Amino acid sequence: MNTYKASVRVAQSGGISRMVVWVHVNAQNRIAAQSLLEAQYGRGNVVIGPTLAR
């Protein structure tokens, strides 16, 4: 398992505005990491990544 980091858009609480945060996910490869992120945050909300975290 590898750790990948990515930048994703999330909704701020109590409003309609969005902010971008860095998240980490454990996956076997980059494609699996992308799939996990899209499943959790929604398709199109992954801004940067995933890239291997070192």
C-alpha atoms as a PDB file:
ATOM      1  CA  MET A   1       0.000   0.000   0.000  1.00  0.00           C
ATOM      2  CA  ASN A   2       1.185   3.487  -0.852  1.00  0.00           C
ATOM      3  CA  THR A   3       0.062   6.850   0.473  1.00  0.00           C
ATOM      4  CA  TYR A   4      -1.089   9.394  -2.101  1.00  0.00           C
ATOM      5  CA  LYS A   5      -1.916  13.052  -1.578  1.00  0.00           C
ATOM      6  CA  ALA A   6      -4.385  15.121  -3.545  1.00  0.00           C
ATOM      7  CA  SER A   7      -6.080  18.480  -3.462  1.00  0.00           C
ATOM      8  CA  VAL A   8      -9.886  18.304  -3.425  1.00  0.00           C
ATOM      9  CA  ARG A   9     -12.815  20.743  -3.311  1.00  0.00           C
ATOM     10  CA  VAL A  10     -15.108  20.460  -0.303  1.00  0.00           C
ATOM     11  CA  ALA A  11     -18.152  22.471   0.715  1.00  0.00           C
ATOM     12  CA  GLN A  12     -17.762  24.742   3.720  1.00  0.00           C
ATOM     13  CA  SER A  13     -20.214  24.125   6.531  1.00  0.00           C
ATOM     14  CA  GLY A  14     -23.280  26.331   6.546  1.00  0.00           C
ATOM     15  CA  GLY A  15     -22.747  27.803   3.099  1.00  0.00           C
ATOM     16  CA  ILE A  16     -22.584  27.209  -0.586  1.00  0.00           C
ATOM     17  CA  SER A  17     -18.967  28.260  -0.992  1.00  0.00           C
ATOM     18  CA  ARG A  18     -16.225  25.703  -1.459  1.00  0.00           C
ATOM     19  CA  MET A  19     -12.638  25.474  -0.324  1.00  0.00           C
ATOM     20  CA  VAL A  20      -9.691  23.364  -1.458  1.00  0.00           C
ATOM     21  CA  VAL A  21      -7.918  21.066   1.021  1.00  0.00           C
ATOM     22  CA  TRP A  22      -5.106  18.508   0.850  1.00  0.00           C
ATOM     23  CA  VAL A  23      -6.044  14.928   1.716  1.00  0.00           C
ATOM     24  CA  HIS A  24      -4.169  11.618   1.966  1.00  0.00           C
ATOM     25  CA  VAL A  25      -5.439   8.233   0.834  1.00  0.00           C
ATOM     26  CA  ASN A  26      -3.912   4.751   0.958  1.00  0.00           C
ATOM     27  CA  ALA A  27      -4.124   2.764  -2.276  1.00  0.00           C
ATOM     28  CA  GLN A  28      -2.185   0.247  -4.350  1.00  0.00           C
ATOM     29  CA  ASN A  29      -1.676   2.606  -7.296  1.00  0.00           C
ATOM     30  CA  ARG A  30      -2.547   6.085  -8.611  1.00  0.00           C
ATOM     31  CA  ILE A  31      -5.616   4.928 -10.517  1.00  0.00           C
ATOM     32  CA  ALA A  32      -7.049   3.241  -7.424  1.00  0.00           C
ATOM     33  CA  ALA A  33      -6.326   6.386  -5.403  1.00  0.00           C
ATOM     34  CA  GLN A  34      -8.171   8.513  -7.990  1.00  0.00           C
ATOM     35  CA  SER A  35     -11.165   6.173  -7.843  1.00  0.00           C
ATOM     36  CA  LEU A  36     -11.286   6.313  -4.045  1.00  0.00           C
ATOM     37  CA  LEU A  37     -11.089  10.111  -4.038  1.00  0.00           C
ATOM     38  CA  GLU A  38     -13.829  10.470  -6.641  1.00  0.00           C
ATOM     39  CA  ALA A  39     -16.036   8.070  -4.690  1.00  0.00           C
ATOM     40  CA  GLN A  40     -15.591  10.051  -1.504  1.00  0.00           C
ATOM     41  CA  TYR A  41     -15.557  13.655  -2.768  1.00  0.00           C
ATOM     42  CA  GLY A  42     -17.483  13.379  -6.027  1.00  0.00           C
ATOM     43  CA  ARG A  43     -16.407  13.277  -9.624  1.00  0.00           C
ATOM     44  CA  GLY A  44     -14.702  16.487 -10.734  1.00  0.00           C
ATOM     45  CA  ASN A  45     -13.756  17.616  -7.235  1.00  0.00           C
ATOM     46  CA  VAL A  46     -10.186  16.299  -7.357  1.00  0.00           C
ATOM     47  CA  VAL A  47      -8.191  19.426  -8.239  1.00  0.00           C
ATOM     48  CA  ILE A  48      -4.576  18.201  -8.082  1.00  0.00           C
ATOM     49  CA  GLY A  49      -3.311  14.665  -7.852  1.00  0.00           C
ATOM     50  CA  PRO A  50      -3.185  12.065  -6.681  1.00  0.00           C
ATOM     51  CA  THR A  51       0.580  12.047  -6.354  1.00  0.00           C
ATOM     52  CA  LEU A  52       2.747   9.745  -4.297  1.00  0.00           C
ATOM     53  CA  ALA A  53       3.375  11.226  -0.845  1.00  0.00           C
ATOM     54  CA  ARG A  54       6.930  10.854   0.419  1.00  0.00           C
END
